[in-house]
Amino acid sequence: MTATDPALTALSQGWCALSLLHGKIESHVERALQAEHQLSVREYSLLDVLSRQHDGPGGHLQMKQVADAVVLSQSATTRLVTRLEDRGLLSRYLCPTDRRGIYTDVSEAGTQLLAAARPTNDGALREALNAAAENPELAPLVRAVESLRVPA
């Protein structure tokens, strides 16, 4: 393949379209969450991921797993956790079976904020996808996103 190969060009255009769709969605959701709840998309995502933890086997995430889930580096995730902990939305504690491990839980205030922010997030996401579906370049990607079913 060369840089002018049509297959490579199509791949590059597809990647650009996907990046554009992501950017449009993220910025729309970000504005809505900031305006209504003083939360960033990353903060919302972190609260959402951590709220899904449970007390059963494998129910609590280690920081690396949290970082992977919110698509941040471990150091950026730790800084984000610290910011939300400082706001009283999260708490950290030592793993009872491995004192090297530190777990993070959503506080009652964090749970309440997440519950209030979820409809805002979902509504802004729907709005962004509807707007993107009007763009012929992005419409196939929107359909692909809408067809995804993530196992519970």
C-alpha atoms as a PDB file:
ATOM      1  CA  MET A   1       0.000   0.000   0.000  1.00  0.00           C
ATOM      2  CA  THR A   2       1.106   3.505  -0.722  1.00  0.00           C
ATOM      3  CA  ALA A   3      -0.017   6.765   0.817  1.00  0.00           C
ATOM      4  CA  THR A   4      -2.205   7.405  -2.235  1.00  0.00           C
ATOM      5  CA  ASP A   5      -3.793   3.948  -2.210  1.00  0.00           C
ATOM      6  CA  PRO A   6      -7.607   4.345  -2.362  1.00  0.00           C
ATOM      7  CA  ALA A   7      -8.090   1.757   0.405  1.00  0.00           C
ATOM      8  CA  LEU A   8      -5.777   3.701   2.697  1.00  0.00           C
ATOM      9  CA  THR A   9      -7.522   6.957   1.833  1.00  0.00           C
ATOM     10  CA  ALA A  10     -10.931   5.433   2.615  1.00  0.00           C
ATOM     11  CA  LEU A  11      -9.591   4.082   5.904  1.00  0.00           C
ATOM     12  CA  SER A  12      -8.197   7.500   6.785  1.00  0.00           C
ATOM     13  CA  GLN A  13     -11.486   9.190   5.907  1.00  0.00           C
ATOM     14  CA  GLY A  14     -13.381   6.684   8.037  1.00  0.00           C
ATOM     15  CA  TRP A  15     -11.077   7.343  10.954  1.00  0.00           C
ATOM     16  CA  CYS A  16     -11.547  11.100  10.547  1.00  0.00           C
ATOM     17  CA  ALA A  17     -15.334  10.664  10.480  1.00  0.00           C
ATOM     18  CA  LEU A  18     -15.219   8.550  13.649  1.00  0.00           C
ATOM     19  CA  SER A  19     -13.016  11.126  15.351  1.00  0.00           C
ATOM     20  CA  LEU A  20     -15.382  13.899  14.278  1.00  0.00           C
ATOM     21  CA  LEU A  21     -18.411  12.011  15.622  1.00  0.00           C
ATOM     22  CA  HIS A  22     -16.662  11.389  18.943  1.00  0.00           C
ATOM     23  CA  GLY A  23     -15.659  15.042  19.248  1.00  0.00           C
ATOM     24  CA  LYS A  24     -19.149  16.317  18.481  1.00  0.00           C
ATOM     25  CA  ILE A  25     -20.764  13.955  20.973  1.00  0.00           C
ATOM     26  CA  GLU A  26     -18.240  14.593  23.724  1.00  0.00           C
ATOM     27  CA  SER A  27     -18.384  18.386  23.420  1.00  0.00           C
ATOM     28  CA  HIS A  28     -22.207  18.430  23.395  1.00  0.00           C
ATOM     29  CA  VAL A  29     -22.466  16.139  26.423  1.00  0.00           C
ATOM     30  CA  GLU A  30     -19.687  18.062  28.191  1.00  0.00           C
ATOM     31  CA  ARG A  31     -21.530  21.378  27.806  1.00  0.00           C
ATOM     32  CA  ALA A  32     -24.760  19.874  29.122  1.00  0.00           C
ATOM     33  CA  LEU A  33     -23.152  18.181  32.131  1.00  0.00           C
ATOM     34  CA  GLN A  34     -21.137  21.299  33.012  1.00  0.00           C
ATOM     35  CA  ALA A  35     -24.141  23.611  32.723  1.00  0.00           C
ATOM     36  CA  GLU A  36     -26.511  21.454  34.747  1.00  0.00           C
ATOM     37  CA  HIS A  37     -24.281  19.610  37.218  1.00  0.00           C
ATOM     38  CA  GLN A  38     -20.761  21.121  37.157  1.00  0.00           C
ATOM     39  CA  LEU A  39     -19.423  17.750  35.961  1.00  0.00           C
ATOM     40  CA  SER A  40     -17.085  16.973  33.104  1.00  0.00           C
ATOM     41  CA  VAL A  41     -17.656  13.995  30.829  1.00  0.00           C
ATOM     42  CA  ARG A  42     -14.669  12.264  32.460  1.00  0.00           C
ATOM     43  CA  GLU A  43     -16.011  12.916  35.953  1.00  0.00           C
ATOM     44  CA  TYR A  44     -19.422  11.571  34.976  1.00  0.00           C
ATOM     45  CA  SER A  45     -17.826   8.504  33.375  1.00  0.00           C
ATOM     46  CA  LEU A  46     -15.752   7.826  36.482  1.00  0.00           C
ATOM     47  CA  LEU A  47     -18.778   8.093  38.787  1.00  0.00           C
ATOM     48  CA  ASP A  48     -20.752   5.848  36.433  1.00  0.00           C
ATOM     49  CA  VAL A  49     -18.043   3.173  36.265  1.00  0.00           C
ATOM     50  CA  LEU A  50     -17.474   3.178  40.018  1.00  0.00           C
ATOM     51  CA  SER A  51     -21.208   3.089  40.756  1.00  0.00           C
ATOM     52  CA  ARG A  52     -21.418  -0.287  39.009  1.00  0.00           C
ATOM     53  CA  GLN A  53     -19.085  -1.973  41.504  1.00  0.00           C
ATOM     54  CA  HIS A  54     -20.506  -4.602  43.842  1.00  0.00           C
ATOM     55  CA  ASP A  55     -19.444  -6.568  46.899  1.00  0.00           C
ATOM     56  CA  GLY A  56     -19.259  -9.950  45.154  1.00  0.00           C
ATOM     57  CA  PRO A  57     -16.106 -11.575  43.773  1.00  0.00           C
ATOM     58  CA  GLY A  58     -14.343  -9.230  41.365  1.00  0.00           C
ATOM     59  CA  GLY A  59     -16.843  -6.516  42.189  1.00  0.00           C
ATOM     60  CA  HIS A  60     -14.349  -3.786  43.054  1.00  0.00           C
ATOM     61  CA  LEU A  61     -12.056  -2.337  40.442  1.00  0.00           C
ATOM     62  CA  GLN A  62      -8.387  -1.664  40.896  1.00  0.00           C
ATOM     63  CA  MET A  63      -7.113   1.720  39.683  1.00  0.00           C
ATOM     64  CA  LYS A  64      -5.734   0.246  36.442  1.00  0.00           C
ATOM     65  CA  GLN A  65      -9.139  -1.259  35.649  1.00  0.00           C
ATOM     66  CA  VAL A  66     -10.819   2.065  36.402  1.00  0.00           C
ATOM     67  CA  ALA A  67      -8.306   3.874  34.172  1.00  0.00           C
ATOM     68  CA  ASP A  68      -9.004   1.456  31.322  1.00  0.00           C
ATOM     69  CA  ALA A  69     -12.760   1.867  31.766  1.00  0.00           C
ATOM     70  CA  VAL A  70     -12.640   5.672  31.599  1.00  0.00           C
ATOM     71  CA  VAL A  71      -9.926   5.696  28.911  1.00  0.00           C
ATOM     72  CA  LEU A  72      -7.345   7.655  30.881  1.00  0.00           C
ATOM     73  CA  SER A  73      -3.830   6.941  32.071  1.00  0.00           C
ATOM     74  CA  GLN A  74      -3.472   5.669  35.626  1.00  0.00           C
ATOM     75  CA  SER A  75      -1.949   8.948  36.758  1.00  0.00           C
ATOM     76  CA  ALA A  76      -4.739  11.009  35.166  1.00  0.00           C
ATOM     77  CA  THR A  77      -7.314   8.694  36.743  1.00  0.00           C
ATOM     78  CA  THR A  78      -5.694   9.073  40.157  1.00  0.00           C
ATOM     79  CA  ARG A  79      -5.806  12.874  39.801  1.00  0.00           C
ATOM     80  CA  LEU A  80      -9.466  12.671  38.738  1.00  0.00           C
ATOM     81  CA  VAL A  81     -10.290  10.433  41.716  1.00  0.00           C
ATOM     82  CA  THR A  82      -8.526  12.892  44.027  1.00  0.00           C
ATOM     83  CA  ARG A  83     -10.533  15.831  42.635  1.00  0.00           C
ATOM     84  CA  LEU A  84     -13.829  13.992  43.106  1.00  0.00           C
ATOM     85  CA  GLU A  85     -12.760  12.789  46.558  1.00  0.00           C
ATOM     86  CA  ASP A  86     -11.977  16.406  47.498  1.00  0.00           C
ATOM     87  CA  ARG A  87     -15.547  17.297  46.406  1.00  0.00           C
ATOM     88  CA  GLY A  88     -16.933  14.550  48.657  1.00  0.00           C
ATOM     89  CA  LEU A  89     -18.165  12.453  45.725  1.00  0.00           C
ATOM     90  CA  LEU A  90     -15.793   9.504  46.216  1.00  0.00           C
ATOM     91  CA  SER A  91     -13.928   7.793  49.031  1.00  0.00           C
ATOM     92  CA  ARG A  92     -10.877   5.541  48.959  1.00  0.00           C
ATOM     93  CA  TYR A  93     -10.056   2.647  51.234  1.00  0.00           C
ATOM     94  CA  LEU A  94      -7.555  -0.200  51.498  1.00  0.00           C
ATOM     95  CA  CYS A  95      -8.504  -3.556  50.036  1.00  0.00           C
ATOM     96  CA  PRO A  96      -9.362  -5.792  53.011  1.00  0.00           C
ATOM     97  CA  THR A  97      -7.575  -8.818  51.501  1.00  0.00           C
ATOM     98  CA  ASP A  98      -4.555  -7.057  49.958  1.00  0.00           C
ATOM     99  CA  ARG A  99      -3.291  -4.000  51.807  1.00  0.00           C
ATOM    100  CA  ARG A 100      -1.407  -2.885  48.688  1.00  0.00           C
ATOM    101  CA  GLY A 101      -4.682  -2.383  46.846  1.00  0.00           C
ATOM    102  CA  ILE A 102      -6.744   0.762  47.110  1.00  0.00           C
ATOM    103  CA  TYR A 103     -10.392   0.779  46.123  1.00  0.00           C
ATOM    104  CA  THR A 104     -12.630   3.730  45.420  1.00  0.00           C
ATOM    105  CA  ASP A 105     -16.351   3.933  46.152  1.00  0.00           C
ATOM    106  CA  VAL A 106     -18.937   6.519  45.211  1.00  0.00           C
ATOM    107  CA  SER A 107     -20.191   8.420  48.253  1.00  0.00           C
ATOM    108  CA  GLU A 108     -23.863   9.138  48.923  1.00  0.00           C
ATOM    109  CA  ALA A 109     -23.363  12.652  47.506  1.00  0.00           C
ATOM    110  CA  GLY A 110     -21.730  11.137  44.414  1.00  0.00           C
ATOM    111  CA  THR A 111     -24.595   8.680  43.986  1.00  0.00           C
ATOM    112  CA  GLN A 112     -27.121  11.509  44.208  1.00  0.00           C
ATOM    113  CA  LEU A 113     -25.190  13.660  41.718  1.00  0.00           C
ATOM    114  CA  LEU A 114     -24.851  10.746  39.312  1.00  0.00           C
ATOM    115  CA  ALA A 115     -28.588  10.029  39.513  1.00  0.00           C
ATOM    116  CA  ALA A 116     -29.360  13.678  38.805  1.00  0.00           C
ATOM    117  CA  ALA A 117     -26.829  13.859  35.954  1.00  0.00           C
ATOM    118  CA  ARG A 118     -27.783  10.600  34.206  1.00  0.00           C
ATOM    119  CA  PRO A 119     -30.868  12.034  32.416  1.00  0.00           C
ATOM    120  CA  THR A 120     -28.811  15.046  31.327  1.00  0.00           C
ATOM    121  CA  ASN A 121     -26.071  12.787  29.962  1.00  0.00           C
ATOM    122  CA  ASP A 122     -28.537  10.503  28.197  1.00  0.00           C
ATOM    123  CA  GLY A 123     -30.523  13.400  26.727  1.00  0.00           C
ATOM    124  CA  ALA A 124     -27.423  15.213  25.490  1.00  0.00           C
ATOM    125  CA  LEU A 125     -26.104  11.997  23.993  1.00  0.00           C
ATOM    126  CA  ARG A 126     -29.388  11.447  22.149  1.00  0.00           C
ATOM    127  CA  GLU A 127     -29.370  15.063  20.900  1.00  0.00           C
ATOM    128  CA  ALA A 128     -25.781  14.764  19.667  1.00  0.00           C
ATOM    129  CA  LEU A 129     -26.481  11.493  17.866  1.00  0.00           C
ATOM    130  CA  ASN A 130     -29.634  12.905  16.258  1.00  0.00           C
ATOM    131  CA  ALA A 131     -27.723  15.941  15.027  1.00  0.00           C
ATOM    132  CA  ALA A 132     -24.863  13.783  13.729  1.00  0.00           C
ATOM    133  CA  ALA A 133     -27.326  11.510  11.908  1.00  0.00           C
ATOM    134  CA  GLU A 134     -28.220  14.487   9.715  1.00  0.00           C
ATOM    135  CA  ASN A 135     -24.661  14.525   8.338  1.00  0.00           C
ATOM    136  CA  PRO A 136     -24.334  11.972   5.499  1.00  0.00           C
ATOM    137  CA  GLU A 137     -20.718  11.227   6.466  1.00  0.00           C
ATOM    138  CA  LEU A 138     -21.628  10.512  10.072  1.00  0.00           C
ATOM    139  CA  ALA A 139     -25.019   8.816   9.628  1.00  0.00           C
ATOM    140  CA  PRO A 140     -23.554   5.301   9.081  1.00  0.00           C
ATOM    141  CA  LEU A 141     -21.468   5.664  12.230  1.00  0.00           C
ATOM    142  CA  VAL A 142     -24.495   6.818  14.210  1.00  0.00           C
ATOM    143  CA  ARG A 143     -26.411   3.762  13.019  1.00  0.00           C
ATOM    144  CA  ALA A 144     -23.485   1.556  14.050  1.00  0.00           C
ATOM    145  CA  VAL A 145     -23.375   3.121  17.535  1.00  0.00           C
ATOM    146  CA  GLU A 146     -27.120   2.764  17.934  1.00  0.00           C
ATOM    147  CA  SER A 147     -26.986  -0.910  16.944  1.00  0.00           C
ATOM    148  CA  LEU A 148     -24.402  -1.813  19.607  1.00  0.00           C
ATOM    149  CA  ARG A 149     -25.704  -3.871  22.482  1.00  0.00           C
ATOM    150  CA  VAL A 150     -23.345  -4.152  25.420  1.00  0.00           C
ATOM    151  CA  PRO A 151     -23.909  -7.190  27.662  1.00  0.00           C
ATOM    152  CA  ALA A 152     -25.258  -6.302  31.097  1.00  0.00           C
END
